[in-house]
């Protein structure tokens, strides 16, 4: 699994998760600076996804 987290100027956030074995995109999120609640939710979703894949 490949995880990319991008923090851009002015508060933009991007999170992408790919399965590198089959190049499937599992998660792709791009959030604007004013989407603070969604940013918290995005990191929780990423955490949950990583926990699930840890136990496989």
C-alpha atoms as a PDB file:
ATOM      1  CA  UNK A   1       0.000   0.000   0.000  1.00  0.00           C
ATOM      2  CA  UNK A   2       1.219   3.471  -0.874  1.00  0.00           C
ATOM      3  CA  UNK A   3       0.060   6.479   1.166  1.00  0.00           C
ATOM      4  CA  UNK A   4       0.626  10.074   0.126  1.00  0.00           C
ATOM      5  CA  UNK A   5      -0.342  13.006   2.352  1.00  0.00           C
ATOM      6  CA  UNK A   6       0.143  16.483   0.909  1.00  0.00           C
ATOM      7  CA  UNK A   7      -0.052  19.706   2.876  1.00  0.00           C
ATOM      8  CA  UNK A   8      -0.145  22.730   0.602  1.00  0.00           C
ATOM      9  CA  UNK A   9       0.158  26.413   1.303  1.00  0.00           C
ATOM     10  CA  UNK A  10      -2.927  28.148   2.603  1.00  0.00           C
ATOM     11  CA  UNK A  11      -4.322  25.006   4.248  1.00  0.00           C
ATOM     12  CA  UNK A  12      -5.102  22.648   1.373  1.00  0.00           C
ATOM     13  CA  UNK A  13      -4.856  18.926   2.184  1.00  0.00           C
ATOM     14  CA  UNK A  14      -4.617  15.904  -0.091  1.00  0.00           C
ATOM     15  CA  UNK A  15      -4.649  12.241   0.933  1.00  0.00           C
ATOM     16  CA  UNK A  16      -4.219   9.405  -1.547  1.00  0.00           C
ATOM     17  CA  UNK A  17      -3.949   5.686  -0.803  1.00  0.00           C
ATOM     18  CA  UNK A  18      -3.162   3.159  -3.533  1.00  0.00           C
ATOM     19  CA  UNK A  19      -2.765  -0.583  -3.654  1.00  0.00           C
ATOM     20  CA  UNK A  20       0.564  -0.758  -5.472  1.00  0.00           C
ATOM     21  CA  UNK A  21       0.051  -4.419  -6.418  1.00  0.00           C
ATOM     22  CA  UNK A  22      -2.850  -3.703  -8.766  1.00  0.00           C
ATOM     23  CA  UNK A  23      -2.608   0.126  -8.945  1.00  0.00           C
ATOM     24  CA  UNK A  24      -6.115   0.447  -7.468  1.00  0.00           C
ATOM     25  CA  UNK A  25      -6.879   3.784  -5.834  1.00  0.00           C
ATOM     26  CA  UNK A  26      -8.377   3.035  -2.420  1.00  0.00           C
ATOM     27  CA  UNK A  27      -8.782   6.566  -1.097  1.00  0.00           C
ATOM     28  CA  UNK A  28      -8.453   9.993  -2.688  1.00  0.00           C
ATOM     29  CA  UNK A  29      -9.349  13.148  -0.782  1.00  0.00           C
ATOM     30  CA  UNK A  30      -8.664  16.792  -1.622  1.00  0.00           C
ATOM     31  CA  UNK A  31      -9.888  19.357   0.883  1.00  0.00           C
ATOM     32  CA  UNK A  32      -9.998  23.136   0.836  1.00  0.00           C
ATOM     33  CA  UNK A  33      -8.667  25.256   3.715  1.00  0.00           C
ATOM     34  CA  UNK A  34     -12.137  25.922   5.135  1.00  0.00           C
ATOM     35  CA  UNK A  35     -13.032  22.213   5.428  1.00  0.00           C
ATOM     36  CA  UNK A  36     -11.600  21.677   8.918  1.00  0.00           C
ATOM     37  CA  UNK A  37     -14.209  19.127  10.066  1.00  0.00           C
ATOM     38  CA  UNK A  38     -13.725  17.141   6.879  1.00  0.00           C
ATOM     39  CA  UNK A  39      -9.950  17.126   7.477  1.00  0.00           C
ATOM     40  CA  UNK A  40     -10.437  15.507  10.875  1.00  0.00           C
ATOM     41  CA  UNK A  41     -12.749  12.960   9.289  1.00  0.00           C
ATOM     42  CA  UNK A  42     -10.260  12.261   6.484  1.00  0.00           C
ATOM     43  CA  UNK A  43      -7.482  11.452   8.963  1.00  0.00           C
ATOM     44  CA  UNK A  44      -9.812   9.169  10.915  1.00  0.00           C
ATOM     45  CA  UNK A  45     -10.709   7.383   7.681  1.00  0.00           C
ATOM     46  CA  UNK A  46      -7.018   6.993   6.841  1.00  0.00           C
ATOM     47  CA  UNK A  47      -6.252   5.693  10.351  1.00  0.00           C
ATOM     48  CA  UNK A  48      -9.071   3.153  10.118  1.00  0.00           C
ATOM     49  CA  UNK A  49      -7.934   2.021   6.672  1.00  0.00           C
ATOM     50  CA  UNK A  50      -4.359   1.534   7.900  1.00  0.00           C
ATOM     51  CA  UNK A  51      -5.532  -0.406  10.961  1.00  0.00           C
ATOM     52  CA  UNK A  52      -7.655  -2.716   8.827  1.00  0.00           C
ATOM     53  CA  UNK A  53      -4.744  -3.446   6.487  1.00  0.00           C
ATOM     54  CA  UNK A  54      -2.339  -4.022   9.373  1.00  0.00           C
ATOM     55  CA  UNK A  55      -4.277  -7.083  10.469  1.00  0.00           C
ATOM     56  CA  UNK A  56      -4.581  -8.718   7.026  1.00  0.00           C
END
